[in-house]
């Protein structure tokens, strides 16, 4: 029951990220509302996940293990690269932005997979 909120929040963030990535590959401009929703859902999901890594509210401990810690680190890296992408891509917009977004998507996909491994194993 405690794992449902982060699973839902991160799944919605991943879904929006896939939609934004598809729009980017098509050459369409992303709507700021979708970008903001993607950002807020990702941060909220990570926050709930980190709170659960420290222990459930009723006092029962969830196994933090290496998968949970790795998922948190990878999702933090995804958030940081997502924030830094606009700054990296000011001079050479398409080439640098594509590389930065590839790193962002790679960190996010790997972190989400590690999160699911942790969540399903808990």
PDB file of N, CA and C in Angstrom:
ATOM      1  N   UNK A   1       0.814  -1.190   0.000  1.00  0.00           N
ATOM      2  CA  UNK A   1       0.000   0.000   0.000  1.00  0.00           C
ATOM      3  C   UNK A   1       0.863   1.263   0.000  1.00  0.00           C
ATOM      4  N   UNK A   2       1.971   1.238   0.757  1.00  0.00           N
ATOM      5  CA  UNK A   2       2.833   2.409   0.822  1.00  0.00           C
ATOM      6  C   UNK A   2       3.568   2.661  -0.482  1.00  0.00           C
ATOM      7  N   UNK A   3       3.754   1.638  -1.283  1.00  0.00           N
ATOM      8  CA  UNK A   3       4.500   1.801  -2.533  1.00  0.00           C
ATOM      9  C   UNK A   3       3.635   2.298  -3.674  1.00  0.00           C
ATOM     10  N   UNK A   4       2.326   2.337  -3.496  1.00  0.00           N
ATOM     11  CA  UNK A   4       1.438   2.772  -4.574  1.00  0.00           C
ATOM     12  C   UNK A   4       1.673   4.233  -4.993  1.00  0.00           C
ATOM     13  N   UNK A   5       1.786   5.193  -4.061  1.00  0.00           N
ATOM     14  CA  UNK A   5       2.008   6.582  -4.495  1.00  0.00           C
ATOM     15  C   UNK A   5       3.274   6.784  -5.337  1.00  0.00           C
ATOM     16  N   UNK A   6       4.449   6.275  -4.925  1.00  0.00           N
ATOM     17  CA  UNK A   6       5.608   6.511  -5.787  1.00  0.00           C
ATOM     18  C   UNK A   6       5.508   5.774  -7.120  1.00  0.00           C
ATOM     19  N   UNK A   7       4.882   4.608  -7.128  1.00  0.00           N
ATOM     20  CA  UNK A   7       4.725   3.881  -8.397  1.00  0.00           C
ATOM     21  C   UNK A   7       3.851   4.689  -9.339  1.00  0.00           C
ATOM     22  N   UNK A   8       2.748   5.223  -8.842  1.00  0.00           N
ATOM     23  CA  UNK A   8       1.844   6.006  -9.687  1.00  0.00           C
ATOM     24  C   UNK A   8       2.521   7.300 -10.149  1.00  0.00           C
ATOM     25  N   UNK A   9       3.148   8.026  -9.229  1.00  0.00           N
ATOM     26  CA  UNK A   9       3.782   9.296  -9.587  1.00  0.00           C
ATOM     27  C   UNK A   9       4.904   9.107 -10.607  1.00  0.00           C
ATOM     28  N   UNK A  10       5.772   8.131 -10.364  1.00  0.00           N
ATOM     29  CA  UNK A  10       6.885   7.924 -11.296  1.00  0.00           C
ATOM     30  C   UNK A  10       6.405   7.353 -12.624  1.00  0.00           C
ATOM     31  N   UNK A  11       5.368   6.523 -12.612  1.00  0.00           N
ATOM     32  CA  UNK A  11       4.829   6.003 -13.868  1.00  0.00           C
ATOM     33  C   UNK A  11       4.222   7.119 -14.709  1.00  0.00           C
ATOM     34  N   UNK A  12       3.510   8.029 -14.063  1.00  0.00           N
ATOM     35  CA  UNK A  12       2.966   9.174 -14.793  1.00  0.00           C
ATOM     36  C   UNK A  12       4.080  10.062 -15.339  1.00  0.00           C
ATOM     37  N   UNK A  13       5.132  10.257 -14.560  1.00  0.00           N
ATOM     38  CA  UNK A  13       6.259  11.056 -15.026  1.00  0.00           C
ATOM     39  C   UNK A  13       6.945  10.401 -16.223  1.00  0.00           C
ATOM     40  N   UNK A  14       7.112   9.083 -16.163  1.00  0.00           N
ATOM     41  CA  UNK A  14       7.730   8.357 -17.279  1.00  0.00           C
ATOM     42  C   UNK A  14       6.844   8.458 -18.527  1.00  0.00           C
ATOM     43  N   UNK A  15       5.538   8.326 -18.343  1.00  0.00           N
ATOM     44  CA  UNK A  15       4.614   8.425 -19.481  1.00  0.00           C
ATOM     45  C   UNK A  15       4.691   9.805 -20.130  1.00  0.00           C
ATOM     46  N   UNK A  16       4.693  10.853 -19.304  1.00  0.00           N
ATOM     47  CA  UNK A  16       4.838  12.201 -19.851  1.00  0.00           C
ATOM     48  C   UNK A  16       6.199  12.392 -20.508  1.00  0.00           C
ATOM     49  N   UNK A  17       7.240  11.805 -19.926  1.00  0.00           N
ATOM     50  CA  UNK A  17       8.564  11.896 -20.529  1.00  0.00           C
ATOM     51  C   UNK A  17       8.614  11.232 -21.892  1.00  0.00           C
ATOM     52  N   UNK A  18       7.942  10.096 -22.031  1.00  0.00           N
ATOM     53  CA  UNK A  18       7.878   9.439 -23.338  1.00  0.00           C
ATOM     54  C   UNK A  18       7.135  10.303 -24.348  1.00  0.00           C
ATOM     55  N   UNK A  19       6.049  10.936 -23.914  1.00  0.00           N
ATOM     56  CA  UNK A  19       5.305  11.836 -24.795  1.00  0.00           C
ATOM     57  C   UNK A  19       6.157  13.027 -25.207  1.00  0.00           C
ATOM     58  N   UNK A  20       6.875  13.607 -24.252  1.00  0.00           N
ATOM     59  CA  UNK A  20       7.752  14.739 -24.570  1.00  0.00           C
ATOM     60  C   UNK A  20       8.891  14.323 -25.499  1.00  0.00           C
ATOM     61  N   UNK A  21       9.442  13.129 -25.258  1.00  0.00           N
ATOM     62  CA  UNK A  21      10.503  12.635 -26.141  1.00  0.00           C
ATOM     63  C   UNK A  21      10.008  12.394 -27.553  1.00  0.00           C
ATOM     64  N   UNK A  22       8.812  11.876 -27.687  1.00  0.00           N
ATOM     65  CA  UNK A  22       8.221  11.670 -29.010  1.00  0.00           C
ATOM     66  C   UNK A  22       8.005  12.995 -29.721  1.00  0.00           C
ATOM     67  N   UNK A  23       7.517  13.976 -28.997  1.00  0.00           N
ATOM     68  CA  UNK A  23       7.334  15.314 -29.589  1.00  0.00           C
ATOM     69  C   UNK A  23       8.683  15.904 -30.018  1.00  0.00           C
ATOM     70  N   UNK A  24       9.730  15.674 -29.221  1.00  0.00           N
ATOM     71  CA  UNK A  24      11.055  16.182 -29.570  1.00  0.00           C
ATOM     72  C   UNK A  24      11.570  15.518 -30.842  1.00  0.00           C
ATOM     73  N   UNK A  25      11.393  14.208 -30.938  1.00  0.00           N
ATOM     74  CA  UNK A  25      11.864  13.490 -32.125  1.00  0.00           C
ATOM     75  C   UNK A  25      11.105  13.897 -33.377  1.00  0.00           C
ATOM     76  N   UNK A  26       9.862  14.295 -33.231  1.00  0.00           N
ATOM     77  CA  UNK A  26       9.070  14.772 -34.364  1.00  0.00           C
ATOM     78  C   UNK A  26       9.399  16.214 -34.728  1.00  0.00           C
ATOM     79  N   UNK A  27      10.175  16.885 -33.890  1.00  0.00           N
ATOM     80  CA  UNK A  27      10.532  18.274 -34.143  1.00  0.00           C
ATOM     81  C   UNK A  27       9.483  19.257 -33.664  1.00  0.00           C
ATOM     82  N   UNK A  28       8.546  18.799 -32.857  1.00  0.00           N
ATOM     83  CA  UNK A  28       7.503  19.670 -32.332  1.00  0.00           C
ATOM     84  C   UNK A  28       7.969  20.313 -31.029  1.00  0.00           C
ATOM     85  N   UNK A  29       7.435  21.456 -30.757  1.00  0.00           N
ATOM     86  CA  UNK A  29       7.783  22.170 -29.524  1.00  0.00           C
ATOM     87  C   UNK A  29       6.953  21.609 -28.371  1.00  0.00           C
ATOM     88  N   UNK A  30       7.601  21.418 -27.234  1.00  0.00           N
ATOM     89  CA  UNK A  30       6.903  20.902 -26.062  1.00  0.00           C
ATOM     90  C   UNK A  30       6.150  22.020 -25.364  1.00  0.00           C
ATOM     91  N   UNK A  31       4.973  21.676 -24.865  1.00  0.00           N
ATOM     92  CA  UNK A  31       4.183  22.665 -24.133  1.00  0.00           C
ATOM     93  C   UNK A  31       4.753  22.792 -22.720  1.00  0.00           C
ATOM     94  N   UNK A  32       4.922  24.010 -22.239  1.00  0.00           N
ATOM     95  CA  UNK A  32       5.492  24.212 -20.899  1.00  0.00           C
ATOM     96  C   UNK A  32       4.697  23.521 -19.793  1.00  0.00           C
ATOM     97  N   UNK A  33       3.389  23.390 -19.969  1.00  0.00           N
ATOM     98  CA  UNK A  33       2.572  22.730 -18.951  1.00  0.00           C
ATOM     99  C   UNK A  33       2.963  21.254 -18.843  1.00  0.00           C
ATOM    100  N   UNK A  34       3.212  20.602 -19.979  1.00  0.00           N
ATOM    101  CA  UNK A  34       3.623  19.196 -19.949  1.00  0.00           C
ATOM    102  C   UNK A  34       5.003  19.030 -19.327  1.00  0.00           C
ATOM    103  N   UNK A  35       5.904  19.938 -19.637  1.00  0.00           N
ATOM    104  CA  UNK A  35       7.248  19.887 -19.054  1.00  0.00           C
ATOM    105  C   UNK A  35       7.169  20.082 -17.549  1.00  0.00           C
ATOM    106  N   UNK A  36       6.365  21.050 -17.101  1.00  0.00           N
ATOM    107  CA  UNK A  36       6.220  21.301 -15.663  1.00  0.00           C
ATOM    108  C   UNK A  36       5.583  20.109 -14.957  1.00  0.00           C
ATOM    109  N   UNK A  37       4.572  19.504 -15.572  1.00  0.00           N
ATOM    110  CA  UNK A  37       3.928  18.333 -14.965  1.00  0.00           C
ATOM    111  C   UNK A  37       4.919  17.171 -14.870  1.00  0.00           C
ATOM    112  N   UNK A  38       5.717  16.972 -15.920  1.00  0.00           N
ATOM    113  CA  UNK A  38       6.739  15.923 -15.934  1.00  0.00           C
ATOM    114  C   UNK A  38       7.738  16.149 -14.793  1.00  0.00           C
ATOM    115  N   UNK A  39       8.177  17.367 -14.633  1.00  0.00           N
ATOM    116  CA  UNK A  39       9.127  17.719 -13.584  1.00  0.00           C
ATOM    117  C   UNK A  39       8.529  17.508 -12.196  1.00  0.00           C
ATOM    118  N   UNK A  40       7.338  18.026 -11.966  1.00  0.00           N
ATOM    119  CA  UNK A  40       6.725  17.931 -10.645  1.00  0.00           C
ATOM    120  C   UNK A  40       6.385  16.490 -10.270  1.00  0.00           C
ATOM    121  N   UNK A  41       5.895  15.710 -11.219  1.00  0.00           N
ATOM    122  CA  UNK A  41       5.588  14.307 -10.929  1.00  0.00           C
ATOM    123  C   UNK A  41       6.861  13.524 -10.614  1.00  0.00           C
ATOM    124  N   UNK A  42       7.925  13.794 -11.354  1.00  0.00           N
ATOM    125  CA  UNK A  42       9.194  13.102 -11.107  1.00  0.00           C
ATOM    126  C   UNK A  42       9.768  13.437  -9.746  1.00  0.00           C
ATOM    127  N   UNK A  43       9.758  14.707  -9.387  1.00  0.00           N
ATOM    128  CA  UNK A  43      10.298  15.114  -8.088  1.00  0.00           C
ATOM    129  C   UNK A  43       9.425  14.589  -6.955  1.00  0.00           C
ATOM    130  N   UNK A  44       8.110  14.649  -7.113  1.00  0.00           N
ATOM    131  CA  UNK A  44       7.208  14.146  -6.068  1.00  0.00           C
ATOM    132  C   UNK A  44       7.382  12.635  -5.884  1.00  0.00           C
ATOM    133  N   UNK A  45       7.486  11.904  -6.988  1.00  0.00           N
ATOM    134  CA  UNK A  45       7.694  10.456  -6.893  1.00  0.00           C
ATOM    135  C   UNK A  45       9.010  10.109  -6.223  1.00  0.00           C
ATOM    136  N   UNK A  46      10.056  10.834  -6.568  1.00  0.00           N
ATOM    137  CA  UNK A  46      11.367  10.609  -5.943  1.00  0.00           C
ATOM    138  C   UNK A  46      11.313  10.936  -4.453  1.00  0.00           C
ATOM    139  N   UNK A  47      10.630  12.015  -4.083  1.00  0.00           N
ATOM    140  CA  UNK A  47      10.541  12.392  -2.677  1.00  0.00           C
ATOM    141  C   UNK A  47       9.830  11.311  -1.859  1.00  0.00           C
ATOM    142  N   UNK A  48       8.721  10.793  -2.365  1.00  0.00           N
ATOM    143  CA  UNK A  48       8.000   9.747  -1.645  1.00  0.00           C
ATOM    144  C   UNK A  48       8.851   8.482  -1.565  1.00  0.00           C
ATOM    145  N   UNK A  49       9.553   8.174  -2.652  1.00  0.00           N
ATOM    146  CA  UNK A  49      10.407   6.986  -2.646  1.00  0.00           C
ATOM    147  C   UNK A  49      11.521   7.111  -1.609  1.00  0.00           C
ATOM    148  N   UNK A  50      12.152   8.267  -1.541  1.00  0.00           N
ATOM    149  CA  UNK A  50      13.233   8.475  -0.569  1.00  0.00           C
ATOM    150  C   UNK A  50      12.688   8.404   0.858  1.00  0.00           C
ATOM    151  N   UNK A  51      11.497   8.934   1.080  1.00  0.00           N
ATOM    152  CA  UNK A  51      10.890   8.815   2.407  1.00  0.00           C
ATOM    153  C   UNK A  51      10.666   7.349   2.772  1.00  0.00           C
ATOM    154  N   UNK A  52      10.245   6.542   1.826  1.00  0.00           N
ATOM    155  CA  UNK A  52      10.012   5.128   2.094  1.00  0.00           C
ATOM    156  C   UNK A  52      11.312   4.345   2.250  1.00  0.00           C
ATOM    157  N   UNK A  53      12.392   4.823   1.646  1.00  0.00           N
ATOM    158  CA  UNK A  53      13.682   4.168   1.852  1.00  0.00           C
ATOM    159  C   UNK A  53      14.119   4.271   3.316  1.00  0.00           C
ATOM    160  N   UNK A  54      13.699   5.317   3.967  1.00  0.00           N
ATOM    161  CA  UNK A  54      14.060   5.520   5.377  1.00  0.00           C
ATOM    162  C   UNK A  54      13.163   4.734   6.312  1.00  0.00           C
ATOM    163  N   UNK A  55      12.030   4.254   5.820  1.00  0.00           N
ATOM    164  CA  UNK A  55      11.112   3.474   6.635  1.00  0.00           C
ATOM    165  C   UNK A  55       9.679   3.908   6.433  1.00  0.00           C
ATOM    166  N   UNK A  56       8.769   2.988   6.585  1.00  0.00           N
ATOM    167  CA  UNK A  56       7.349   3.280   6.403  1.00  0.00           C
ATOM    168  C   UNK A  56       6.807   4.061   7.598  1.00  0.00           C
ATOM    169  N   UNK A  57       5.746   4.831   7.405  1.00  0.00           N
ATOM    170  CA  UNK A  57       5.207   5.641   8.499  1.00  0.00           C
ATOM    171  C   UNK A  57       4.712   4.834   9.704  1.00  0.00           C
ATOM    172  N   UNK A  58       4.297   3.600   9.501  1.00  0.00           N
ATOM    173  CA  UNK A  58       3.781   2.814  10.625  1.00  0.00           C
ATOM    174  C   UNK A  58       4.888   2.135  11.422  1.00  0.00           C
ATOM    175  N   UNK A  59       6.124   2.403  11.090  1.00  0.00           N
ATOM    176  CA  UNK A  59       7.241   1.847  11.846  1.00  0.00           C
ATOM    177  C   UNK A  59       7.857   0.619  11.216  1.00  0.00           C
ATOM    178  N   UNK A  60       7.169  -0.017  10.299  1.00  0.00           N
ATOM    179  CA  UNK A  60       7.769  -1.173   9.626  1.00  0.00           C
ATOM    180  C   UNK A  60       8.791  -0.668   8.619  1.00  0.00           C
ATOM    181  N   UNK A  61       9.918  -1.333   8.547  1.00  0.00           N
ATOM    182  CA  UNK A  61      11.000  -0.915   7.646  1.00  0.00           C
ATOM    183  C   UNK A  61      10.879  -1.644   6.329  1.00  0.00           C
ATOM    184  N   UNK A  62      11.021  -0.909   5.248  1.00  0.00           N
ATOM    185  CA  UNK A  62      11.114  -1.524   3.932  1.00  0.00           C
ATOM    186  C   UNK A  62      12.584  -1.774   3.649  1.00  0.00           C
ATOM    187  N   UNK A  63      12.905  -2.838   2.956  1.00  0.00           N
ATOM    188  CA  UNK A  63      14.317  -3.101   2.663  1.00  0.00           C
ATOM    189  C   UNK A  63      14.885  -2.063   1.697  1.00  0.00           C
ATOM    190  N   UNK A  64      15.812  -1.259   2.193  1.00  0.00           N
ATOM    191  CA  UNK A  64      16.393  -0.225   1.347  1.00  0.00           C
ATOM    192  C   UNK A  64      17.300  -0.858   0.297  1.00  0.00           C
ATOM    193  N   UNK A  65      18.137  -1.763   0.699  1.00  0.00           N
ATOM    194  CA  UNK A  65      18.987  -2.524  -0.209  1.00  0.00           C
ATOM    195  C   UNK A  65      19.662  -1.697  -1.282  1.00  0.00           C
ATOM    196  N   UNK A  66      20.473  -2.352  -2.090  1.00  0.00           N
ATOM    197  CA  UNK A  66      21.180  -1.636  -3.149  1.00  0.00           C
ATOM    198  C   UNK A  66      20.269  -1.173  -4.282  1.00  0.00           C
ATOM    199  N   UNK A  67      19.199  -1.883  -4.561  1.00  0.00           N
ATOM    200  CA  UNK A  67      18.314  -1.482  -5.665  1.00  0.00           C
ATOM    201  C   UNK A  67      17.608  -0.171  -5.344  1.00  0.00           C
ATOM    202  N   UNK A  68      17.143   0.007  -4.110  1.00  0.00           N
ATOM    203  CA  UNK A  68      16.481   1.251  -3.731  1.00  0.00           C
ATOM    204  C   UNK A  68      17.424   2.435  -3.750  1.00  0.00           C
ATOM    205  N   UNK A  69      18.614   2.250  -3.221  1.00  0.00           N
ATOM    206  CA  UNK A  69      19.595   3.340  -3.225  1.00  0.00           C
ATOM    207  C   UNK A  69      20.056   3.672  -4.636  1.00  0.00           C
ATOM    208  N   UNK A  70      20.276   2.662  -5.446  1.00  0.00           N
ATOM    209  CA  UNK A  70      20.678   2.892  -6.838  1.00  0.00           C
ATOM    210  C   UNK A  70      19.582   3.606  -7.612  1.00  0.00           C
ATOM    211  N   UNK A  71      18.338   3.205  -7.373  1.00  0.00           N
ATOM    212  CA  UNK A  71      17.218   3.859  -8.052  1.00  0.00           C
ATOM    213  C   UNK A  71      17.157   5.334  -7.674  1.00  0.00           C
ATOM    214  N   UNK A  72      17.331   5.639  -6.392  1.00  0.00           N
ATOM    215  CA  UNK A  72      17.294   7.032  -5.954  1.00  0.00           C
ATOM    216  C   UNK A  72      18.417   7.842  -6.585  1.00  0.00           C
ATOM    217  N   UNK A  73      19.613   7.289  -6.617  1.00  0.00           N
ATOM    218  CA  UNK A  73      20.760   8.003  -7.203  1.00  0.00           C
ATOM    219  C   UNK A  73      20.553   8.229  -8.694  1.00  0.00           C
ATOM    220  N   UNK A  74      20.064   7.212  -9.396  1.00  0.00           N
ATOM    221  CA  UNK A  74      19.840   7.350 -10.837  1.00  0.00           C
ATOM    222  C   UNK A  74      18.722   8.342 -11.141  1.00  0.00           C
ATOM    223  N   UNK A  75      17.676   8.334 -10.333  1.00  0.00           N
ATOM    224  CA  UNK A  75      16.595   9.293 -10.554  1.00  0.00           C
ATOM    225  C   UNK A  75      17.038  10.716 -10.235  1.00  0.00           C
ATOM    226  N   UNK A  76      17.897  10.876  -9.238  1.00  0.00           N
ATOM    227  CA  UNK A  76      18.467  12.200  -8.964  1.00  0.00           C
ATOM    228  C   UNK A  76      19.328  12.652 -10.140  1.00  0.00           C
ATOM    229  N   UNK A  77      20.115  11.739 -10.700  1.00  0.00           N
ATOM    230  CA  UNK A  77      20.931  12.077 -11.873  1.00  0.00           C
ATOM    231  C   UNK A  77      20.039  12.460 -13.056  1.00  0.00           C
ATOM    232  N   UNK A  78      18.903  11.785 -13.204  1.00  0.00           N
ATOM    233  CA  UNK A  78      17.971  12.124 -14.285  1.00  0.00           C
ATOM    234  C   UNK A  78      17.407  13.527 -14.085  1.00  0.00           C
ATOM    235  N   UNK A  79      17.067  13.870 -12.848  1.00  0.00           N
ATOM    236  CA  UNK A  79      16.528  15.202 -12.573  1.00  0.00           C
ATOM    237  C   UNK A  79      17.588  16.271 -12.844  1.00  0.00           C
ATOM    238  N   UNK A  80      18.813  16.023 -12.404  1.00  0.00           N
ATOM    239  CA  UNK A  80      19.884  16.998 -12.609  1.00  0.00           C
ATOM    240  C   UNK A  80      20.170  17.192 -14.098  1.00  0.00           C
ATOM    241  N   UNK A  81      20.274  16.100 -14.855  1.00  0.00           N
ATOM    242  CA  UNK A  81      20.528  16.252 -16.290  1.00  0.00           C
ATOM    243  C   UNK A  81      19.342  16.897 -16.993  1.00  0.00           C
ATOM    244  N   UNK A  82      18.138  16.648 -16.509  1.00  0.00           N
ATOM    245  CA  UNK A  82      16.974  17.314 -17.088  1.00  0.00           C
ATOM    246  C   UNK A  82      17.002  18.818 -16.847  1.00  0.00           C
ATOM    247  N   UNK A  83      17.446  19.224 -15.651  1.00  0.00           N
ATOM    248  CA  UNK A  83      17.579  20.645 -15.354  1.00  0.00           C
ATOM    249  C   UNK A  83      18.694  21.297 -16.162  1.00  0.00           C
ATOM    250  N   UNK A  84      19.798  20.584 -16.352  1.00  0.00           N
ATOM    251  CA  UNK A  84      20.965  21.170 -17.016  1.00  0.00           C
ATOM    252  C   UNK A  84      20.872  21.165 -18.539  1.00  0.00           C
ATOM    253  N   UNK A  85      19.965  20.390 -19.105  1.00  0.00           N
ATOM    254  CA  UNK A  85      19.860  20.292 -20.562  1.00  0.00           C
ATOM    255  C   UNK A  85      19.673  21.652 -21.235  1.00  0.00           C
ATOM    256  N   UNK A  86      18.766  22.509 -20.773  1.00  0.00           N
ATOM    257  CA  UNK A  86      18.641  23.813 -21.449  1.00  0.00           C
ATOM    258  C   UNK A  86      19.906  24.655 -21.377  1.00  0.00           C
ATOM    259  N   UNK A  87      20.663  24.548 -20.288  1.00  0.00           N
ATOM    260  CA  UNK A  87      21.898  25.326 -20.180  1.00  0.00           C
ATOM    261  C   UNK A  87      22.978  24.778 -21.098  1.00  0.00           C
ATOM    262  N   UNK A  88      23.038  23.432 -21.261  1.00  0.00           N
ATOM    263  CA  UNK A  88      24.039  22.836 -22.143  1.00  0.00           C
ATOM    264  C   UNK A  88      23.776  23.173 -23.604  1.00  0.00           C
ATOM    265  N   UNK A  89      22.541  23.378 -23.966  1.00  0.00           N
ATOM    266  CA  UNK A  89      22.190  23.456 -25.378  1.00  0.00           C
ATOM    267  C   UNK A  89      22.022  24.879 -25.888  1.00  0.00           C
ATOM    268  N   UNK A  90      22.610  25.831 -25.255  1.00  0.00           N
ATOM    269  CA  UNK A  90      22.460  27.213 -25.716  1.00  0.00           C
ATOM    270  C   UNK A  90      23.259  27.503 -26.981  1.00  0.00           C
ATOM    271  N   UNK A  91      24.451  26.961 -27.107  1.00  0.00           N
ATOM    272  CA  UNK A  91      25.313  27.276 -28.253  1.00  0.00           C
ATOM    273  C   UNK A  91      25.017  26.408 -29.471  1.00  0.00           C
ATOM    274  N   UNK A  92      24.949  25.097 -29.284  1.00  0.00           N
ATOM    275  CA  UNK A  92      24.663  24.164 -30.372  1.00  0.00           C
ATOM    276  C   UNK A  92      23.368  23.435 -30.024  1.00  0.00           C
ATOM    277  N   UNK A  93      22.255  24.046 -30.300  1.00  0.00           N
ATOM    278  CA  UNK A  93      20.992  23.543 -29.764  1.00  0.00           C
ATOM    279  C   UNK A  93      20.677  22.081 -30.073  1.00  0.00           C
ATOM    280  N   UNK A  94      20.663  21.660 -31.307  1.00  0.00           N
ATOM    281  CA  UNK A  94      20.151  20.326 -31.617  1.00  0.00           C
ATOM    282  C   UNK A  94      21.113  19.218 -31.194  1.00  0.00           C
ATOM    283  N   UNK A  95      22.382  19.355 -31.521  1.00  0.00           N
ATOM    284  CA  UNK A  95      23.346  18.290 -31.240  1.00  0.00           C
ATOM    285  C   UNK A  95      23.553  18.090 -29.740  1.00  0.00           C
ATOM    286  N   UNK A  96      23.804  19.164 -29.030  1.00  0.00           N
ATOM    287  CA  UNK A  96      24.061  19.069 -27.595  1.00  0.00           C
ATOM    288  C   UNK A  96      22.791  18.691 -26.848  1.00  0.00           C
ATOM    289  N   UNK A  97      21.669  19.263 -27.256  1.00  0.00           N
ATOM    290  CA  UNK A  97      20.403  18.944 -26.588  1.00  0.00           C
ATOM    291  C   UNK A  97      20.056  17.474 -26.757  1.00  0.00           C
ATOM    292  N   UNK A  98      20.277  16.926 -27.943  1.00  0.00           N
ATOM    293  CA  UNK A  98      19.988  15.511 -28.167  1.00  0.00           C
ATOM    294  C   UNK A  98      20.855  14.624 -27.279  1.00  0.00           C
ATOM    295  N   UNK A  99      22.125  14.960 -27.149  1.00  0.00           N
ATOM    296  CA  UNK A  99      23.018  14.180 -26.294  1.00  0.00           C
ATOM    297  C   UNK A  99      22.612  14.291 -24.825  1.00  0.00           C
ATOM    298  N   UNK A 100      22.316  15.497 -24.380  1.00  0.00           N
ATOM    299  CA  UNK A 100      21.913  15.692 -22.988  1.00  0.00           C
ATOM    300  C   UNK A 100      20.589  14.984 -22.699  1.00  0.00           C
ATOM    301  N   UNK A 101      19.645  15.043 -23.630  1.00  0.00           N
ATOM    302  CA  UNK A 101      18.376  14.353 -23.436  1.00  0.00           C
ATOM    303  C   UNK A 101      18.540  12.838 -23.466  1.00  0.00           C
ATOM    304  N   UNK A 102      19.501  12.354 -24.235  1.00  0.00           N
ATOM    305  CA  UNK A 102      19.778  10.914 -24.240  1.00  0.00           C
ATOM    306  C   UNK A 102      20.303  10.475 -22.874  1.00  0.00           C
ATOM    307  N   UNK A 103      21.199  11.267 -22.275  1.00  0.00           N
ATOM    308  CA  UNK A 103      21.674  10.959 -20.927  1.00  0.00           C
ATOM    309  C   UNK A 103      20.523  11.014 -19.927  1.00  0.00           C
ATOM    310  N   UNK A 104      19.690  12.040 -20.044  1.00  0.00           N
ATOM    311  CA  UNK A 104      18.534  12.186 -19.151  1.00  0.00           C
ATOM    312  C   UNK A 104      17.614  10.964 -19.255  1.00  0.00           C
ATOM    313  N   UNK A 105      17.303  10.572 -20.470  1.00  0.00           N
ATOM    314  CA  UNK A 105      16.420   9.417 -20.669  1.00  0.00           C
ATOM    315  C   UNK A 105      17.069   8.125 -20.196  1.00  0.00           C
ATOM    316  N   UNK A 106      18.362   7.993 -20.397  1.00  0.00           N
ATOM    317  CA  UNK A 106      19.070   6.791 -19.945  1.00  0.00           C
ATOM    318  C   UNK A 106      19.079   6.672 -18.429  1.00  0.00           C
ATOM    319  N   UNK A 107      19.396   7.775 -17.747  1.00  0.00           N
ATOM    320  CA  UNK A 107      19.358   7.763 -16.281  1.00  0.00           C
ATOM    321  C   UNK A 107      17.946   7.472 -15.778  1.00  0.00           C
ATOM    322  N   UNK A 108      16.958   8.109 -16.400  1.00  0.00           N
ATOM    323  CA  UNK A 108      15.578   7.940 -15.945  1.00  0.00           C
ATOM    324  C   UNK A 108      15.087   6.511 -16.168  1.00  0.00           C
ATOM    325  N   UNK A 109      15.370   5.941 -17.331  1.00  0.00           N
ATOM    326  CA  UNK A 109      14.913   4.581 -17.621  1.00  0.00           C
ATOM    327  C   UNK A 109      15.579   3.565 -16.694  1.00  0.00           C
ATOM    328  N   UNK A 110      16.873   3.721 -16.484  1.00  0.00           N
ATOM    329  CA  UNK A 110      17.589   2.809 -15.596  1.00  0.00           C
ATOM    330  C   UNK A 110      17.130   2.982 -14.146  1.00  0.00           C
ATOM    331  N   UNK A 111      16.932   4.223 -13.724  1.00  0.00           N
ATOM    332  CA  UNK A 111      16.450   4.479 -12.368  1.00  0.00           C
ATOM    333  C   UNK A 111      15.042   3.958 -12.151  1.00  0.00           C
ATOM    334  N   UNK A 112      14.174   4.113 -13.155  1.00  0.00           N
ATOM    335  CA  UNK A 112      12.805   3.611 -13.021  1.00  0.00           C
ATOM    336  C   UNK A 112      12.807   2.084 -12.968  1.00  0.00           C
ATOM    337  N   UNK A 113      13.652   1.446 -13.773  1.00  0.00           N
ATOM    338  CA  UNK A 113      13.744  -0.018 -13.735  1.00  0.00           C
ATOM    339  C   UNK A 113      14.264  -0.486 -12.370  1.00  0.00           C
ATOM    340  N   UNK A 114      15.278   0.185 -11.832  1.00  0.00           N
ATOM    341  CA  UNK A 114      15.785  -0.179 -10.501  1.00  0.00           C
ATOM    342  C   UNK A 114      14.732   0.071  -9.434  1.00  0.00           C
ATOM    343  N   UNK A 115      13.955   1.140  -9.601  1.00  0.00           N
ATOM    344  CA  UNK A 115      12.868   1.415  -8.654  1.00  0.00           C
ATOM    345  C   UNK A 115      11.833   0.281  -8.693  1.00  0.00           C
ATOM    346  N   UNK A 116      11.467  -0.160  -9.888  1.00  0.00           N
ATOM    347  CA  UNK A 116      10.482  -1.250  -9.989  1.00  0.00           C
ATOM    348  C   UNK A 116      11.027  -2.533  -9.380  1.00  0.00           C
ATOM    349  N   UNK A 117      12.310  -2.820  -9.575  1.00  0.00           N
ATOM    350  CA  UNK A 117      12.918  -3.995  -8.962  1.00  0.00           C
ATOM    351  C   UNK A 117      12.828  -3.891  -7.442  1.00  0.00           C
ATOM    352  N   UNK A 118      13.142  -2.713  -6.910  1.00  0.00           N
ATOM    353  CA  UNK A 118      13.063  -2.499  -5.468  1.00  0.00           C
ATOM    354  C   UNK A 118      11.627  -2.609  -4.970  1.00  0.00           C
ATOM    355  N   UNK A 119      10.698  -1.965  -5.691  1.00  0.00           N
ATOM    356  CA  UNK A 119       9.300  -1.925  -5.254  1.00  0.00           C
ATOM    357  C   UNK A 119       8.663  -3.314  -5.317  1.00  0.00           C
ATOM    358  N   UNK A 120       8.946  -4.073  -6.348  1.00  0.00           N
ATOM    359  CA  UNK A 120       8.358  -5.406  -6.475  1.00  0.00           C
ATOM    360  C   UNK A 120       8.999  -6.407  -5.533  1.00  0.00           C
ATOM    361  N   UNK A 121      10.240  -6.136  -5.146  1.00  0.00           N
ATOM    362  CA  UNK A 121      10.921  -7.030  -4.221  1.00  0.00           C
ATOM    363  C   UNK A 121      10.597  -6.735  -2.764  1.00  0.00           C
ATOM    364  N   UNK A 122      10.015  -5.562  -2.512  1.00  0.00           N
ATOM    365  CA  UNK A 122       9.730  -5.171  -1.116  1.00  0.00           C
ATOM    366  C   UNK A 122       8.473  -5.817  -0.595  1.00  0.00           C
TER     367      UNK A 122
END
